[in-house]
Amino acid sequence: MSLSNLMGLLEQYTNPGTANTGNAEQDFEQVTQTASQSHLASGLAEAFRSNETPPFGQMLSTLFSNSDGQQRAGILNHLLGSIGPGAGSGLLANLLGGGSQVTAQQVQQVPPETVRQLAEQAEKNDPSIIDRASSFYAQHPTLVKTLGASSLALIMSRMSRAL
């Protein structure tokens, strides 16, 4: 897809409230084939911060639920890094067993609700976790589609403004 076609596609989403979200998943897939990961990360970060989408913790929990073991471990390690030493220990003490990094095997025991709580705590402690989580999930656009059509429309709306 050319840049002008990309811009035309994203233009439909300039105002997410009036956008036809019926094609949002297909349009998003086309956008991610052309747009850079940093552009996608920027749109995703704005969606995470928006009052028009569910809270960051809830969205991250959804992404976590749909991730594979490696992806789950990756985002959990980002969250734990933002919370700081010991702060997440109450939620993950048994899981880590004294280790500092969560593995793909360990993460299978972590429920999405725990991830939501960790994300909320991480956001309070270090608001830049939203940017790191956005960059992380921008590498996995298929997972981002699991956020639903209205979130995708908002992401593409934010991306359209950056072009």
Protein backbone atom coordinates (compact mmCIF):
# COMPACT_ATOMS: atom_id res chain seq x y z
CA MET A 1 0.00 0.00 0.00
CA SER A 2 1.37 3.40 -0.93
CA LEU A 3 1.61 6.27 1.53
CA SER A 4 -1.24 8.10 -0.23
CA ASN A 5 -3.45 4.98 0.01
CA LEU A 6 -2.50 4.63 3.68
CA MET A 7 -3.40 8.26 4.31
CA GLY A 8 -6.73 7.79 2.49
CA LEU A 9 -7.56 4.73 4.55
CA LEU A 10 -6.63 6.44 7.82
CA GLU A 11 -8.58 9.56 6.85
CA GLN A 12 -11.79 7.56 7.33
CA TYR A 13 -10.87 7.34 11.01
CA THR A 14 -10.07 11.01 11.61
CA ASN A 15 -13.15 11.21 13.81
CA PRO A 16 -13.48 7.80 15.51
CA GLY A 17 -16.97 8.61 16.79
CA THR A 18 -18.34 8.74 13.25
CA ALA A 19 -16.08 6.13 11.66
CA ASN A 20 -17.62 2.97 10.26
CA THR A 21 -16.08 0.44 12.62
CA GLY A 22 -17.50 -2.47 10.62
CA ASN A 23 -14.28 -2.60 8.58
CA ALA A 24 -11.93 -1.58 11.38
CA GLU A 25 -10.18 -4.97 11.72
CA GLN A 26 -9.57 -5.29 7.97
CA ASP A 27 -8.49 -1.66 7.68
CA PHE A 28 -6.19 -2.02 10.68
CA GLU A 29 -4.57 -5.06 9.10
CA GLN A 30 -3.90 -3.07 5.92
CA VAL A 31 -2.54 -0.14 7.93
CA THR A 32 -0.13 -2.33 9.88
CA GLN A 33 1.31 -3.73 6.65
CA THR A 34 2.49 -0.23 5.65
CA ALA A 35 2.77 1.87 8.80
CA SER A 36 5.92 1.74 10.90
CA GLN A 37 5.94 0.08 14.31
CA SER A 38 6.69 3.44 15.92
CA HIS A 39 3.64 4.94 14.23
CA LEU A 40 1.49 2.06 15.46
CA ALA A 41 3.01 2.35 18.95
CA SER A 42 2.15 6.04 19.04
CA GLY A 43 -1.49 5.36 18.11
CA LEU A 44 -1.70 2.53 20.61
CA ALA A 45 -0.25 4.69 23.40
CA GLU A 46 -2.85 7.37 22.74
CA ALA A 47 -5.60 4.76 22.83
CA PHE A 48 -4.25 3.43 26.15
CA ARG A 49 -4.43 6.98 27.55
CA SER A 50 -7.80 7.87 26.05
CA ASN A 51 -11.00 8.33 28.01
CA GLU A 52 -12.79 6.83 24.98
CA THR A 53 -11.35 3.34 25.56
CA PRO A 54 -11.29 1.04 28.57
CA PRO A 55 -8.61 1.80 31.20
CA PHE A 56 -5.00 0.86 30.43
CA GLY A 57 -5.02 -2.06 32.88
CA GLN A 58 -8.12 -3.57 31.32
CA MET A 59 -6.80 -3.21 27.77
CA LEU A 60 -3.45 -4.70 28.75
CA SER A 61 -5.21 -7.59 30.45
CA THR A 62 -7.09 -8.28 27.20
CA LEU A 63 -3.86 -8.25 25.21
CA PHE A 64 -2.20 -10.50 27.80
CA SER A 65 -5.08 -12.99 27.61
CA ASN A 66 -4.58 -13.33 23.86
CA SER A 67 -0.78 -13.48 23.96
CA ASP A 68 1.44 -16.55 23.78
CA GLY A 69 3.80 -17.49 26.62
CA GLN A 70 6.77 -15.47 25.35
CA GLN A 71 4.62 -12.37 24.81
CA ARG A 72 3.03 -12.76 28.24
CA ALA A 73 6.45 -13.05 29.89
CA GLY A 74 7.69 -10.04 27.94
CA ILE A 75 4.89 -7.69 29.00
CA LEU A 76 4.96 -8.95 32.59
CA ASN A 77 8.67 -8.23 32.79
CA HIS A 78 8.00 -4.69 31.51
CA LEU A 79 5.30 -4.22 34.15
CA LEU A 80 7.49 -5.56 36.96
CA GLY A 81 10.30 -3.27 35.86
CA SER A 82 7.98 -0.27 36.18
CA ILE A 83 6.58 -1.27 39.54
CA GLY A 84 9.99 -1.55 41.15
CA PRO A 85 11.61 -4.13 43.38
CA GLY A 86 9.30 -5.73 45.87
CA ALA A 87 6.17 -3.82 44.90
CA GLY A 88 4.76 -6.65 42.81
CA SER A 89 5.93 -9.34 45.19
CA GLY A 90 2.55 -9.72 46.86
CA LEU A 91 0.96 -10.58 43.54
CA LEU A 92 3.76 -12.69 42.11
CA ALA A 93 5.83 -14.02 45.02
CA ASN A 94 5.07 -17.69 44.37
CA LEU A 95 5.43 -17.28 40.62
CA LEU A 96 8.92 -15.83 40.59
CA GLY A 97 10.36 -18.01 43.31
CA GLY A 98 12.98 -15.36 44.04
CA GLY A 99 13.89 -14.78 40.39
CA SER A 100 13.94 -11.39 38.75
CA GLN A 101 12.49 -12.31 35.35
CA VAL A 102 9.28 -14.14 34.56
CA THR A 103 9.63 -17.00 32.08
CA ALA A 104 7.14 -18.26 29.51
CA GLN A 105 6.56 -21.35 31.67
CA GLN A 106 5.89 -19.36 34.85
CA VAL A 107 3.53 -16.95 33.17
CA GLN A 108 0.96 -19.64 32.43
CA GLN A 109 -0.06 -19.40 36.11
CA VAL A 110 -0.78 -15.65 35.99
CA PRO A 111 -4.46 -14.74 35.65
CA PRO A 112 -5.43 -11.72 33.52
CA GLU A 113 -6.86 -10.00 36.62
CA THR A 114 -3.39 -9.99 38.18
CA VAL A 115 -2.03 -8.38 35.01
CA ARG A 116 -4.74 -5.70 35.20
CA GLN A 117 -3.73 -4.95 38.81
CA LEU A 118 -0.04 -4.88 37.94
CA ALA A 119 -0.69 -2.58 34.98
CA GLU A 120 -2.66 -0.17 37.17
CA GLN A 121 0.11 -0.17 39.77
CA ALA A 122 2.81 0.25 37.10
CA GLU A 123 0.94 3.17 35.48
CA LYS A 124 0.70 4.97 38.84
CA ASN A 125 4.36 4.34 39.63
CA ASP A 126 5.77 4.98 36.14
CA PRO A 127 3.41 6.47 33.52
CA SER A 128 5.97 5.77 30.78
CA ILE A 129 4.98 2.07 31.03
CA ILE A 130 2.22 2.96 28.57
CA ASP A 131 4.82 3.89 25.95
CA ARG A 132 6.84 0.73 26.59
CA ALA A 133 3.74 -1.48 26.48
CA SER A 134 2.70 0.26 23.25
CA SER A 135 6.08 -0.37 21.66
CA PHE A 136 5.96 -3.97 22.82
CA TYR A 137 2.51 -4.66 21.37
CA ALA A 138 3.22 -2.67 18.18
CA GLN A 139 5.51 -5.59 17.34
CA HIS A 140 2.43 -7.84 17.52
CA PRO A 141 -0.35 -6.07 15.57
CA THR A 142 -2.43 -9.25 15.29
CA LEU A 143 -2.85 -9.13 19.06
CA VAL A 144 -3.83 -5.47 18.97
CA LYS A 145 -6.83 -6.46 16.84
CA THR A 146 -8.21 -8.31 19.88
CA LEU A 147 -8.96 -4.92 21.50
CA GLY A 148 -12.03 -4.59 19.29
CA ALA A 149 -13.28 -2.37 16.50
CA SER A 150 -13.84 0.82 18.50
CA SER A 151 -10.33 0.70 20.00
CA LEU A 152 -8.87 0.01 16.55
CA ALA A 153 -10.79 2.97 15.13
CA LEU A 154 -9.34 5.19 17.85
CA ILE A 155 -5.81 3.89 17.22
CA MET A 156 -6.17 4.61 13.50
CA SER A 157 -7.64 8.03 14.29
CA ARG A 158 -4.55 8.87 16.30
CA MET A 159 -2.33 7.48 13.57
CA SER A 160 -4.12 9.63 10.96
CA ARG A 161 -3.23 12.78 12.86
CA ALA A 162 0.45 11.86 12.87
CA LEU A 163 0.73 11.58 9.08
